[in-house]
Protein backbone atom coordinates (compact mmCIF):
# COMPACT_ATOMS: atom_id res chain seq x y z
CA MET A 1 41.06 -15.59 10.58
CA LYS A 2 41.10 -11.98 9.44
CA ALA A 3 38.09 -10.06 8.20
CA VAL A 4 38.23 -6.62 6.57
CA LEU A 5 35.05 -4.60 6.89
CA LEU A 6 34.32 -1.61 4.64
CA ASP A 7 31.52 0.33 6.32
CA GLY A 8 29.75 2.50 3.75
CA SER A 9 27.01 3.79 6.05
CA ALA A 10 26.29 7.42 6.88
CA ALA A 11 26.74 8.70 10.44
CA ASP A 12 22.98 9.01 10.99
CA ASP A 13 22.10 5.64 9.46
CA ARG A 14 20.53 3.77 12.37
CA CYS A 15 20.06 0.57 10.40
CA GLY A 16 23.68 0.66 9.27
CA GLN A 17 24.85 1.06 12.87
CA ARG A 18 22.83 -1.95 13.99
CA VAL A 19 24.04 -4.10 11.09
CA ARG A 20 27.65 -3.18 11.77
CA GLN A 21 27.45 -4.02 15.48
CA ALA A 22 25.66 -7.30 14.84
CA LEU A 23 28.27 -8.21 12.26
CA LEU A 24 31.18 -7.44 14.58
CA ASP A 25 29.56 -9.55 17.31
CA GLN A 26 29.04 -12.49 14.96
CA CYS A 27 32.54 -12.19 13.48
CA ALA A 28 34.02 -12.41 16.98
CA ALA A 29 31.79 -15.38 17.78
CA GLN A 30 32.97 -17.22 14.68
CA GLY A 31 36.66 -16.57 15.23
CA TYR A 32 37.33 -13.59 12.98
CA VAL A 33 39.58 -10.71 13.93
CA ALA A 34 37.89 -7.78 12.21
CA GLN A 35 39.62 -4.68 10.85
CA THR A 36 37.04 -2.00 10.20
CA PHE A 37 37.35 0.94 7.82
CA THR A 38 34.63 3.50 8.54
CA LEU A 39 34.66 5.12 5.14
CA ARG A 40 32.86 8.32 6.07
CA GLU A 41 35.69 9.09 8.51
CA GLY A 42 38.54 8.26 6.15
CA GLU A 43 40.26 10.05 3.31
CA ILE A 44 39.74 8.49 -0.09
CA GLY A 45 39.82 10.45 -3.31
CA ASN A 46 37.89 9.61 -6.44
CA CYS A 47 39.51 7.15 -8.82
CA ALA A 48 41.07 9.21 -11.63
CA GLY A 49 40.46 6.53 -14.27
CA ASP A 50 44.02 6.93 -15.57
CA PHE A 51 45.06 3.29 -14.96
CA PHE A 52 48.36 4.50 -13.49
CA CYS A 53 47.97 1.80 -10.83
CA TRP A 54 48.55 -0.64 -13.71
CA VAL A 55 51.05 1.05 -16.01
CA ARG A 56 52.97 3.64 -13.97
CA SER A 57 52.99 2.28 -10.42
CA PRO A 58 51.88 -1.35 -10.96
CA GLY A 59 49.69 -2.64 -8.16
CA GLN A 60 49.48 0.62 -6.22
CA CYS A 61 47.32 3.72 -6.61
CA MET A 62 49.31 6.88 -7.30
CA VAL A 63 47.31 8.71 -4.60
CA ALA A 64 48.67 8.06 -1.11
CA ASP A 65 45.45 8.13 0.90
CA ASP A 66 43.44 5.48 2.77
CA ASN A 67 42.80 3.52 -0.42
CA ARG A 68 46.28 1.98 -0.15
CA ALA A 69 45.73 0.77 3.41
CA ILE A 70 42.43 -0.77 2.36
CA ALA A 71 43.97 -2.49 -0.66
CA ALA A 72 46.78 -3.91 1.49
CA ALA A 73 44.35 -5.13 4.14
CA ILE A 74 42.20 -6.89 1.54
CA VAL A 75 45.18 -8.79 0.16
CA ALA A 76 46.00 -10.10 3.64
CA ALA A 77 42.40 -10.91 4.61
CA ASP A 78 40.47 -14.16 4.69
CA LEU A 79 37.14 -12.38 4.33
CA LEU A 80 36.19 -9.06 2.73
CA ILE A 81 32.88 -7.55 3.89
CA TYR A 82 30.97 -4.66 2.37
CA LEU A 83 28.29 -2.82 4.35
CA THR A 84 26.11 -0.43 2.37
CA PRO A 85 22.64 0.97 1.99
CA ILE A 86 21.12 -0.29 -1.24
CA THR A 87 21.04 2.65 -3.64
CA PHE A 88 18.90 2.13 -6.76
CA GLY A 89 19.88 -1.55 -6.54
CA GLY A 90 23.61 -0.81 -6.21
CA TYR A 91 26.13 0.30 -3.61
CA GLY A 92 25.98 3.66 -1.91
CA SER A 93 28.53 6.24 -3.06
CA LEU A 94 30.57 6.06 0.17
CA LEU A 95 31.30 2.38 -0.34
CA LYS A 96 31.72 2.71 -4.08
CA GLN A 97 34.43 5.32 -3.66
CA ALA A 98 36.57 2.68 -1.92
CA VAL A 99 35.56 -0.10 -4.30
CA ASP A 100 36.69 1.91 -7.35
CA HIS A 101 40.28 1.76 -6.10
CA GLN A 102 40.35 -2.03 -5.89
CA ILE A 103 41.49 -2.38 -9.51
CA GLN A 104 45.04 -1.97 -8.16
CA ASN A 105 44.73 -5.49 -6.73
CA ILE A 106 44.18 -7.09 -10.15
CA ALA A 107 46.35 -7.01 -13.26
CA PRO A 108 45.49 -5.21 -16.52
CA PHE A 109 45.84 -8.19 -18.86
CA PHE A 110 42.74 -9.93 -20.18
CA VAL A 111 41.52 -13.47 -19.55
CA THR A 112 38.30 -15.26 -20.40
CA LEU A 113 36.01 -16.27 -17.52
CA ASN A 114 32.52 -17.70 -17.98
CA GLY A 115 32.78 -16.94 -21.68
CA GLU A 116 33.49 -13.24 -21.24
CA THR A 117 36.49 -10.96 -20.80
CA HIS A 118 37.91 -10.09 -17.38
CA HIS A 119 41.24 -8.95 -15.98
CA GLU A 120 43.93 -11.30 -14.68
CA GLN A 121 44.75 -11.96 -11.06
CA ARG A 122 47.63 -10.03 -9.53
CA TYR A 123 47.85 -12.09 -6.35
CA ASP A 124 47.72 -15.86 -5.85
CA ARG A 125 44.88 -15.69 -3.36
CA TYR A 126 41.94 -13.41 -2.66
CA PRO A 127 39.56 -13.31 0.30
CA ASN A 128 36.05 -14.67 0.49
CA PHE A 129 33.45 -12.01 -0.16
CA LEU A 130 30.39 -11.07 1.89
CA VAL A 131 28.11 -8.12 1.10
CA ILE A 132 25.37 -6.92 3.43
CA GLY A 133 22.96 -4.31 2.11
CA TRP A 134 19.89 -2.79 3.66
CA GLN A 135 16.76 -1.01 2.52
CA ALA A 136 13.67 0.33 4.28
CA THR A 137 11.04 -1.74 2.47
CA PRO A 138 10.99 -4.87 0.31
CA ASN A 139 11.75 -4.26 -3.36
CA PRO A 140 12.26 -7.35 -5.51
CA ARG A 141 13.79 -5.38 -8.40
CA THR A 142 16.46 -3.59 -6.37
CA GLU A 143 17.21 -6.78 -4.43
CA ALA A 144 17.78 -8.70 -7.67
CA ILE A 145 20.00 -5.95 -9.10
CA PHE A 146 21.99 -5.84 -5.87
CA ARG A 147 22.61 -9.59 -5.81
CA HIS A 148 23.61 -9.49 -9.46
CA LEU A 149 26.15 -6.73 -8.76
CA VAL A 150 27.67 -8.72 -5.90
CA TRP A 151 28.00 -11.72 -8.19
CA ARG A 152 29.66 -9.61 -10.90
CA ASN A 153 32.13 -8.26 -8.33
CA SER A 154 32.92 -11.76 -7.10
CA LEU A 155 34.11 -12.71 -10.59
CA ASN A 156 36.41 -9.73 -10.95
CA PHE A 157 37.74 -10.12 -7.40
CA TYR A 158 38.34 -13.87 -7.77
CA ALA A 159 36.50 -14.58 -4.52
CA PRO A 160 36.62 -18.29 -3.55
CA ALA A 161 33.23 -17.98 -1.81
CA THR A 162 30.62 -15.22 -2.04
CA HIS A 163 27.42 -14.49 -0.17
CA CYS A 164 24.93 -11.61 -0.25
CA THR A 165 22.52 -10.73 2.54
CA ILE A 166 19.81 -8.06 2.40
CA VAL A 167 18.36 -6.57 5.59
CA THR A 168 14.89 -5.08 5.21
CA GLY A 169 13.42 -2.54 7.60
CA MET A 170 14.48 -2.67 11.25
CA PRO A 171 14.44 -6.33 12.31
CA ALA A 172 14.67 -7.35 15.96
CA GLU A 173 18.15 -7.84 17.40
CA THR A 174 17.79 -11.62 17.53
CA GLU A 175 16.52 -11.79 13.95
CA LEU A 176 19.37 -9.59 12.73
CA ALA A 177 21.95 -11.66 14.60
CA THR A 178 20.55 -14.85 13.13
CA GLN A 179 20.57 -13.43 9.61
CA ILE A 180 24.21 -12.34 9.83
CA ALA A 181 25.33 -15.55 11.53
CA SER A 182 23.71 -17.47 8.69
CA ALA A 183 25.61 -15.37 6.14
CA LEU A 184 28.94 -16.05 7.82
CA ALA A 185 28.10 -19.75 8.03
CA ALA A 186 27.34 -19.81 4.29
CA ILE A 187 30.77 -18.31 3.63
CA ALA A 188 32.39 -20.92 5.88
CA ARG A 189 30.66 -23.68 3.94
CA ALA A 190 31.70 -22.05 0.65
CA GLU A 191 28.15 -22.37 -0.65
CA PRO A 192 27.94 -21.45 -4.34
CA MET A 193 26.10 -18.18 -4.85
CA GLY A 194 24.72 -19.09 -8.24
CA VAL A 195 24.05 -16.60 -11.00
CA PRO A 196 21.35 -14.11 -9.94
CA GLU A 197 18.88 -13.17 -12.63
CA LEU A 198 18.89 -9.50 -13.53
CA PRO A 199 15.46 -7.94 -14.08
CA GLU A 200 14.70 -6.78 -17.60
CA LEU A 201 14.92 -3.07 -18.22
CA PRO A 202 11.53 -1.34 -18.10
CA ASP A 203 10.00 -0.11 -21.30
CA GLY A 204 10.82 3.47 -22.17
CA VAL A 205 8.16 6.15 -21.70
CA ALA A 206 6.90 7.87 -24.85
CA HIS A 207 5.94 11.55 -24.94
CA HIS A 208 3.56 13.25 -27.34
CA THR A 209 5.80 16.29 -27.60
CA PRO A 210 9.48 16.47 -28.53
CA PRO A 211 11.98 17.81 -26.00
CA ARG A 212 12.90 21.46 -26.28
CA ASN A 213 16.36 21.05 -24.76
CA ALA A 214 18.79 18.33 -23.76
CA LEU A 215 21.59 18.27 -21.19
CA LEU A 216 24.55 15.90 -21.42
CA LEU A 217 26.09 14.87 -18.09
CA VAL A 218 29.56 13.38 -18.62
CA GLY A 219 30.46 10.99 -15.80
CA SER A 220 34.10 10.34 -16.69
CA PRO A 221 37.05 12.00 -14.90
CA ARG A 222 38.75 12.29 -18.30
CA THR A 223 36.13 14.92 -19.24
CA ARG A 224 36.65 16.01 -22.88
CA LYS A 225 39.22 13.29 -23.53
CA SER A 226 36.84 10.52 -22.55
CA THR A 227 34.89 7.99 -24.58
CA SER A 228 31.83 9.04 -22.55
CA PHE A 229 32.12 12.57 -23.93
CA ALA A 230 32.76 11.33 -27.48
CA LEU A 231 29.57 9.25 -27.40
CA GLY A 232 27.46 11.88 -25.68
CA GLU A 233 28.75 14.70 -27.88
CA TYR A 234 27.80 12.83 -31.04
CA LEU A 235 24.28 12.24 -29.71
CA MET A 236 24.00 15.94 -28.82
CA GLN A 237 25.10 16.89 -32.32
CA GLN A 238 22.37 14.71 -33.80
CA LEU A 239 19.76 16.22 -31.49
CA SER A 240 20.96 19.75 -32.26
CA ALA A 241 20.57 19.05 -35.98
CA GLN A 242 16.90 18.37 -35.26
CA GLY A 243 16.36 21.72 -33.59
CA ILE A 244 16.90 20.74 -29.94
CA ALA A 245 19.01 23.06 -27.79
CA THR A 246 21.87 21.16 -26.15
CA SER A 247 24.48 21.74 -23.46
CA THR A 248 27.10 19.70 -21.61
CA VAL A 249 28.28 19.48 -18.00
CA PHE A 250 31.25 17.48 -16.71
CA LEU A 251 30.28 16.02 -13.36
CA HIS A 252 33.82 15.49 -12.03
CA THR A 253 34.65 19.18 -12.30
CA THR A 254 31.24 20.29 -11.03
CA LEU A 255 30.44 18.24 -7.93
CA ASN A 256 33.15 19.77 -5.71
CA ASN A 257 32.40 23.33 -6.82
CA PRO A 258 29.34 24.62 -4.93
CA ALA A 259 28.63 27.41 -7.42
CA LYS A 260 28.83 25.09 -10.43
CA LEU A 261 26.71 22.48 -8.66
CA GLN A 262 23.96 24.97 -7.84
CA ALA A 263 24.01 26.20 -11.43
CA LEU A 264 23.65 22.61 -12.65
CA LEU A 265 20.73 21.92 -10.33
CA ALA A 266 19.03 25.10 -11.54
CA GLN A 267 19.60 24.08 -15.15
CA LEU A 268 18.14 20.63 -14.51
CA ALA A 269 14.91 22.28 -13.35
CA THR A 270 14.29 23.54 -16.88
CA THR A 271 15.74 20.61 -18.82
CA ASP A 272 13.46 18.25 -20.74
CA LEU A 273 15.92 15.50 -21.67
CA ILE A 274 18.82 14.44 -19.43
CA VAL A 275 21.52 12.24 -20.97
CA LEU A 276 24.07 10.60 -18.69
CA ALA A 277 27.21 9.20 -20.37
CA PHE A 278 29.51 7.20 -18.12
CA PRO A 279 32.33 4.63 -18.07
CA LEU A 280 31.96 1.35 -16.21
CA TYR A 281 33.89 1.23 -12.93
CA ILE A 282 34.02 -2.17 -11.20
CA ASP A 283 30.79 -3.42 -12.77
CA THR A 284 28.72 -0.30 -12.17
CA LEU A 285 28.75 3.52 -12.14
CA PRO A 286 31.72 5.56 -10.85
CA ALA A 287 31.33 6.76 -7.26
CA PRO A 288 30.95 10.50 -8.07
CA VAL A 289 28.14 9.72 -10.51
CA ILE A 290 26.34 7.65 -7.87
CA ARG A 291 26.77 10.48 -5.36
CA PHE A 292 25.20 12.94 -7.80
CA LEU A 293 22.28 10.61 -8.52
CA GLU A 294 21.74 10.21 -4.77
CA GLN A 295 21.49 14.00 -4.49
CA LEU A 296 19.03 14.24 -7.37
CA ALA A 297 16.80 11.49 -6.02
CA ALA A 298 16.70 13.21 -2.59
CA ARG A 299 15.45 16.50 -4.06
CA PRO A 300 11.73 17.32 -4.35
CA ARG A 301 10.27 15.96 -7.56
CA SER A 302 9.90 18.44 -10.38
CA PRO A 303 6.33 19.17 -11.51
CA LEU A 304 7.65 19.15 -15.08
CA PRO A 305 8.35 15.78 -16.73
CA LYS A 306 12.00 14.84 -17.07
CA ARG A 307 13.22 12.28 -19.59
CA PHE A 308 16.29 10.29 -18.68
CA VAL A 309 18.65 8.45 -21.03
CA VAL A 310 22.03 6.82 -20.42
CA ILE A 311 25.00 5.80 -22.56
CA GLY A 312 27.45 3.45 -20.87
CA ASN A 313 30.78 2.19 -22.13
CA CYS A 314 33.27 -0.31 -20.75
CA GLY A 315 36.79 -1.54 -21.44
CA PHE A 316 35.59 -5.08 -22.15
CA PRO A 317 34.38 -6.07 -25.61
CA GLU A 318 31.11 -7.57 -24.34
CA THR A 319 28.23 -5.17 -23.68
CA ARG A 320 26.69 -7.45 -21.05
CA HIS A 321 29.18 -6.08 -18.52
CA LEU A 322 27.02 -2.93 -18.58
CA GLU A 323 23.66 -4.58 -17.96
CA ASN A 324 23.75 -4.05 -14.20
CA ALA A 325 24.71 -0.38 -14.50
CA LEU A 326 21.83 0.28 -16.90
CA ALA A 327 19.42 -1.45 -14.53
CA ILE A 328 20.63 0.81 -11.70
CA CYS A 329 20.10 3.87 -13.90
CA ALA A 330 16.53 2.79 -14.64
CA GLU A 331 15.88 2.38 -10.90
CA PHE A 332 17.30 5.84 -10.29
CA ALA A 333 14.91 7.29 -12.87
CA TYR A 334 11.98 5.71 -11.03
CA ALA A 335 13.22 6.95 -7.64
CA ALA A 336 13.77 10.50 -8.92
CA GLY A 337 10.47 10.68 -10.77
CA TYR A 338 12.08 10.84 -14.21
CA ASP A 339 10.68 9.15 -17.28
CA TRP A 340 13.06 6.39 -18.35
CA GLN A 341 13.64 6.56 -22.11
CA GLY A 342 16.25 3.84 -22.38
CA GLY A 343 19.98 3.32 -22.56
CA LEU A 344 22.78 2.24 -24.86
CA ALA A 345 25.76 0.07 -23.97
CA LEU A 346 29.10 0.06 -25.82
CA GLY A 347 31.67 -2.65 -25.29
CA GLY A 348 35.30 -2.01 -26.21
CA GLY A 349 35.08 1.68 -25.38
CA GLU A 350 38.85 2.02 -25.21
CA MET A 351 38.98 1.66 -29.00
CA VAL A 352 37.23 5.03 -29.22
CA HIS A 353 39.69 6.40 -26.64
CA GLY A 354 38.01 9.77 -26.44
CA GLU A 355 38.38 10.60 -30.13
CA PRO A 356 35.47 12.48 -31.76
CA LEU A 357 33.32 9.88 -33.48
CA ALA A 358 33.17 11.90 -36.69
CA LYS A 359 36.96 11.58 -37.03
CA LEU A 360 37.11 7.82 -36.54
CA ASP A 361 37.31 5.45 -39.50
CA GLY A 362 34.69 3.00 -40.69
CA ARG A 363 35.04 0.81 -37.60
CA ALA A 364 32.98 3.41 -35.73
CA MET A 365 30.14 3.35 -38.24
CA PRO A 366 27.92 1.10 -36.07
CA ILE A 367 28.34 3.48 -33.14
CA ARG A 368 27.45 6.54 -35.19
CA ALA A 369 24.49 4.74 -36.71
CA ALA A 370 23.24 3.63 -33.29
CA LEU A 371 23.42 7.14 -31.87
CA ALA A 372 21.71 8.57 -34.95
CA ILE A 373 18.84 6.10 -34.53
CA ALA A 374 18.58 7.00 -30.85
CA ALA A 375 18.60 10.74 -31.58
CA GLU A 376 15.87 10.46 -34.18
CA ALA A 377 13.59 8.67 -31.72
CA LEU A 378 14.39 10.96 -28.77
CA ALA A 379 13.81 14.06 -30.89
CA GLN A 380 10.27 12.82 -31.50
CA GLY A 381 9.64 12.18 -27.80
CA GLN A 382 10.06 8.42 -28.18
CA PRO A 383 12.32 6.11 -26.17
CA ILE A 384 15.48 4.65 -27.67
CA PRO A 385 14.42 1.78 -29.96
CA ALA A 386 15.93 -1.70 -29.76
CA ALA A 387 17.39 -1.16 -33.24
CA ALA A 388 19.87 1.33 -31.79
CA GLN A 389 21.41 -1.21 -29.41
CA GLU A 390 21.35 -3.86 -32.11
CA ARG A 391 23.44 -1.56 -34.29
CA MET A 392 25.75 -0.73 -31.37
CA ASN A 393 26.34 -4.45 -30.85
CA ARG A 394 28.02 -4.72 -34.24
CA THR A 395 31.40 -4.28 -32.64
CA PHE A 396 34.21 -3.05 -34.84
CA ILE A 397 36.74 -5.59 -33.54
CA PRO A 398 36.33 -9.27 -32.53
CA ALA A 399 36.63 -10.02 -28.80
CA TRP A 400 39.75 -12.17 -29.21
CA LEU A 401 41.50 -9.44 -31.18
CA TYR A 402 40.42 -6.78 -28.69
CA ARG A 403 41.96 -8.81 -25.86
CA LEU A 404 45.19 -9.28 -27.82
CA VAL A 405 45.51 -5.64 -28.82
CA GLY A 406 44.55 -4.49 -25.34
CA SER A 407 47.19 -6.61 -23.64
CA ILE A 408 49.83 -5.31 -26.04
CA GLY A 409 48.65 -1.80 -25.32
CA TRP A 410 49.15 -2.22 -21.57
CA ARG A 411 52.74 -3.34 -22.15
CA VAL A 412 53.44 -0.43 -24.49
CA GLU A 413 52.05 2.06 -21.96
CA ALA A 414 54.06 0.49 -19.11
CA ARG A 415 57.23 0.68 -21.22
CA ARG A 416 56.58 4.39 -21.63
CA TRP A 417 56.86 4.75 -17.85
CA GLY A 418 59.80 2.36 -17.58
CA VAL A 419 57.93 -0.32 -15.60
CA HIS A 420 57.17 -2.91 -18.30
CA SER A 421 59.04 -5.58 -16.31
CA GLU A 422 57.01 -4.84 -13.17
CA LEU A 423 53.46 -5.19 -14.45
CA TYR A 424 52.77 -8.09 -12.09
CA ARG A 425 54.34 -6.37 -9.08
CA ARG A 426 52.71 -7.26 -5.75
CA PRO A 427 53.31 -4.29 -3.44
CA TYR A 428 50.95 -5.58 -0.73
CA GLN A 429 52.24 -9.15 -0.62
CA THR A 430 53.27 -10.02 2.96
CA GLU A 431 53.96 -13.75 2.75
């Protein structure tokens, strides 16, 4: 049996080193031949979010780095294993950078699973799925969010069997070996994981004074052409109309530029309201956004109160796909010492397709109304009210029609690149 291990630990992560060695020992004892990818030593770029691995080079990322070798190894594996520190209840950015590229192993077309929209299989078989995360101290909220994320991934990756194990602190060698052996045994027995319950989002924190300024952080690689920017820009316009100074930073063009990053960190020190707008990548935040949040949480806490708000969007019509990502954002706010003031989730974000909301027709009215409600509350120092999400939920296209139009759209885009007959291509198939 073949196991593929994606090691998302840092070089100085002692717990990660111990978990990895214990896992390799137990894999060998249970008959697995393990292929390990130490992600910190590899070369993997950020997912561009262009879907070219679906419509231009079906089944294969356009970037020829280690992501292709990982994708090919997963297709041939019997067991896929993630190792990661638990970060705000989610995966660390090192692991997530590799995970983001796994969309090449599924097809773009929509199907309905468990009453919600997902993408079709590209291959006939997928490996079992084991995720091992670790954290220094017990935390029921982050543990629940983590298990929920693993379950969400298992649906999209069509895993026959899934198991999640959480290592807390620095257990003795024998205890660690027993814990990992038990996880591998659960996979062998194909024990059902069940549906983990996601904790409710915490209540937003109210302030007696309105914010003086607001900063929009756009977490999409499409920058100004993204739905994330369209949503965030409209909120900023509403806040500006109420006398709040606003500005915008695109994270994907800032994080690899030291001068821009230092300027952003300096700006954050004097910002009252931080708004993060992001697209959903494989059930949670894109890797560069997670990396930035990790950096913020590691910095000394500001003596001045910071208010944190998020706007997430996804390519599925149902907003519940975003629930885990919003929970992770709330945990980040707590870890960074920011006051959580709520979040908004938009399903069917591709229908906006980066167009300015003011230019869209009446189908976008619920979105504009939701953001206006949110802006009015935030401008008064209040958290986003439930009425804003209720308005956002009034989707402008039924789910069945969204799936139909979306599937047609993938074919049209593939025809543009001359690959419409290859949309189900299996470049990593070896049998």
